[in-house]
Amino acid sequence: MAGIDNIEIIGLVAATLTTAAFLPQVYQTWKTKDVSGLSLPMFTMFFVGIVFWLVYGVLKESLAIILANAITVISSFLLLYFKIKYDKK
């Protein structure tokens, strides 16, 4: 993996902020089990997109993209799981 330069540091800061912003939703959904506001088609598309971003980050050897998307893949997978498990349909 290439060394960390100033551009990668900017990416790491962006990755930290955008990934951290997503985690409270996962926690709240887990705690309340309320998935009524979550769209299954949207989260499915989001999850697939994040998987592609993770693959892209690995191929580009970008630490920021890899870390952010690895965490977001796990988080979005949890939300998908919660949506399927707790949906009242």
C-alpha atoms as a PDB file:
ATOM      1  CA  MET A   1       0.000   0.000   0.000  1.00  0.00           C
ATOM      2  CA  ALA A   2       1.314   3.451  -0.863  1.00  0.00           C
ATOM      3  CA  GLY A   3       2.451   5.815   1.886  1.00  0.00           C
ATOM      4  CA  ILE A   4       0.086   8.312   3.456  1.00  0.00           C
ATOM      5  CA  ASP A   5       0.341  11.749   1.851  1.00  0.00           C
ATOM      6  CA  ASN A   6      -1.610  14.980   2.406  1.00  0.00           C
ATOM      7  CA  ILE A   7      -4.299  13.966  -0.065  1.00  0.00           C
ATOM      8  CA  GLU A   8      -4.805  10.635   1.726  1.00  0.00           C
ATOM      9  CA  ILE A   9      -5.037  12.507   5.062  1.00  0.00           C
ATOM     10  CA  ILE A  10      -7.883  14.596   3.619  1.00  0.00           C
ATOM     11  CA  GLY A  11      -9.535  11.354   2.536  1.00  0.00           C
ATOM     12  CA  LEU A  12      -9.090   9.843   5.996  1.00  0.00           C
ATOM     13  CA  VAL A  13     -10.704  12.890   7.645  1.00  0.00           C
ATOM     14  CA  ALA A  14     -13.603  12.738   5.168  1.00  0.00           C
ATOM     15  CA  ALA A  15     -13.935   8.984   5.704  1.00  0.00           C
ATOM     16  CA  THR A  16     -13.971   9.390   9.479  1.00  0.00           C
ATOM     17  CA  LEU A  17     -16.671  12.065   9.395  1.00  0.00           C
ATOM     18  CA  THR A  18     -18.983  10.391   6.884  1.00  0.00           C
ATOM     19  CA  THR A  19     -18.630   6.954   8.448  1.00  0.00           C
ATOM     20  CA  ALA A  20     -19.091   8.249  11.997  1.00  0.00           C
ATOM     21  CA  ALA A  21     -22.216  10.124  10.890  1.00  0.00           C
ATOM     22  CA  PHE A  22     -23.761   6.815   9.814  1.00  0.00           C
ATOM     23  CA  LEU A  23     -23.159   4.928  13.074  1.00  0.00           C
ATOM     24  CA  PRO A  24     -25.820   6.667  15.241  1.00  0.00           C
ATOM     25  CA  GLN A  25     -28.507   5.433  12.812  1.00  0.00           C
ATOM     26  CA  VAL A  26     -27.291   1.870  13.223  1.00  0.00           C
ATOM     27  CA  TYR A  27     -27.264   2.226  17.015  1.00  0.00           C
ATOM     28  CA  GLN A  28     -30.713   3.851  17.154  1.00  0.00           C
ATOM     29  CA  THR A  29     -32.213   1.200  14.893  1.00  0.00           C
ATOM     30  CA  TRP A  30     -30.667  -1.594  16.968  1.00  0.00           C
ATOM     31  CA  LYS A  31     -31.854  -0.006  20.225  1.00  0.00           C
ATOM     32  CA  THR A  32     -35.434   0.851  19.144  1.00  0.00           C
ATOM     33  CA  LYS A  33     -35.950  -1.891  16.551  1.00  0.00           C
ATOM     34  CA  ASP A  34     -37.900   0.725  14.577  1.00  0.00           C
ATOM     35  CA  VAL A  35     -37.181   0.202  10.899  1.00  0.00           C
ATOM     36  CA  SER A  36     -40.284   1.944   9.558  1.00  0.00           C
ATOM     37  CA  GLY A  37     -38.232   4.833   8.191  1.00  0.00           C
ATOM     38  CA  LEU A  38     -35.768   2.621   6.338  1.00  0.00           C
ATOM     39  CA  SER A  39     -36.320   1.803   2.686  1.00  0.00           C
ATOM     40  CA  LEU A  40     -35.274  -1.757   1.824  1.00  0.00           C
ATOM     41  CA  PRO A  41     -34.662  -1.023  -1.890  1.00  0.00           C
ATOM     42  CA  MET A  42     -32.596   2.067  -1.044  1.00  0.00           C
ATOM     43  CA  PHE A  43     -30.489   0.300   1.573  1.00  0.00           C
ATOM     44  CA  THR A  44     -29.968  -2.678  -0.730  1.00  0.00           C
ATOM     45  CA  MET A  45     -28.680  -0.390  -3.483  1.00  0.00           C
ATOM     46  CA  PHE A  46     -26.600   1.541  -0.950  1.00  0.00           C
ATOM     47  CA  PHE A  47     -25.050  -1.691   0.380  1.00  0.00           C
ATOM     48  CA  VAL A  48     -24.130  -2.922  -3.110  1.00  0.00           C
ATOM     49  CA  GLY A  49     -22.662   0.495  -3.925  1.00  0.00           C
ATOM     50  CA  ILE A  50     -20.555   0.474  -0.763  1.00  0.00           C
ATOM     51  CA  VAL A  51     -19.252  -3.009  -1.599  1.00  0.00           C
ATOM     52  CA  PHE A  52     -18.144  -1.659  -4.990  1.00  0.00           C
ATOM     53  CA  TRP A  53     -16.487   1.346  -3.276  1.00  0.00           C
ATOM     54  CA  LEU A  54     -14.624  -1.074  -1.011  1.00  0.00           C
ATOM     55  CA  VAL A  55     -13.409  -3.108  -3.992  1.00  0.00           C
ATOM     56  CA  TYR A  56     -12.409   0.135  -5.726  1.00  0.00           C
ATOM     57  CA  GLY A  57     -10.476   1.268  -2.644  1.00  0.00           C
ATOM     58  CA  VAL A  58      -8.620  -2.049  -2.494  1.00  0.00           C
ATOM     59  CA  LEU A  59      -7.757  -1.849  -6.193  1.00  0.00           C
ATOM     60  CA  LYS A  60      -6.605   1.781  -5.822  1.00  0.00           C
ATOM     61  CA  GLU A  61      -4.787   0.933  -2.555  1.00  0.00           C
ATOM     62  CA  SER A  62      -6.479   3.873  -0.827  1.00  0.00           C
ATOM     63  CA  LEU A  63      -6.458   3.492   2.940  1.00  0.00           C
ATOM     64  CA  ALA A  64      -9.192   6.110   3.378  1.00  0.00           C
ATOM     65  CA  ILE A  65     -11.560   4.427   0.944  1.00  0.00           C
ATOM     66  CA  ILE A  66     -10.836   0.957   2.325  1.00  0.00           C
ATOM     67  CA  LEU A  67     -11.359   1.893   5.986  1.00  0.00           C
ATOM     68  CA  ALA A  68     -14.469   4.001   5.455  1.00  0.00           C
ATOM     69  CA  ASN A  69     -16.179   1.497   3.218  1.00  0.00           C
ATOM     70  CA  ALA A  70     -15.239  -1.561   5.258  1.00  0.00           C
ATOM     71  CA  ILE A  71     -16.912   0.001   8.289  1.00  0.00           C
ATOM     72  CA  THR A  72     -19.860   1.228   6.228  1.00  0.00           C
ATOM     73  CA  VAL A  73     -20.337  -2.214   4.635  1.00  0.00           C
ATOM     74  CA  ILE A  74     -20.679  -3.685   8.125  1.00  0.00           C
ATOM     75  CA  SER A  75     -22.970  -0.874   9.295  1.00  0.00           C
ATOM     76  CA  SER A  76     -25.220  -0.988   6.250  1.00  0.00           C
ATOM     77  CA  PHE A  77     -25.355  -4.787   6.407  1.00  0.00           C
ATOM     78  CA  LEU A  78     -26.580  -4.467  10.001  1.00  0.00           C
ATOM     79  CA  LEU A  79     -29.279  -2.004   8.937  1.00  0.00           C
ATOM     80  CA  LEU A  80     -30.377  -4.354   6.149  1.00  0.00           C
ATOM     81  CA  TYR A  81     -30.478  -7.217   8.644  1.00  0.00           C
ATOM     82  CA  PHE A  82     -32.505  -5.104  11.106  1.00  0.00           C
ATOM     83  CA  LYS A  83     -34.884  -4.025   8.332  1.00  0.00           C
ATOM     84  CA  ILE A  84     -35.568  -7.624   7.329  1.00  0.00           C
ATOM     85  CA  LYS A  85     -35.756  -8.918  10.912  1.00  0.00           C
ATOM     86  CA  TYR A  86     -37.855  -6.131  12.486  1.00  0.00           C
ATOM     87  CA  ASP A  87     -40.061  -5.055   9.573  1.00  0.00           C
ATOM     88  CA  LYS A  88     -43.745  -5.326  10.545  1.00  0.00           C
ATOM     89  CA  LYS A  89     -45.031  -6.193   7.067  1.00  0.00           C
END
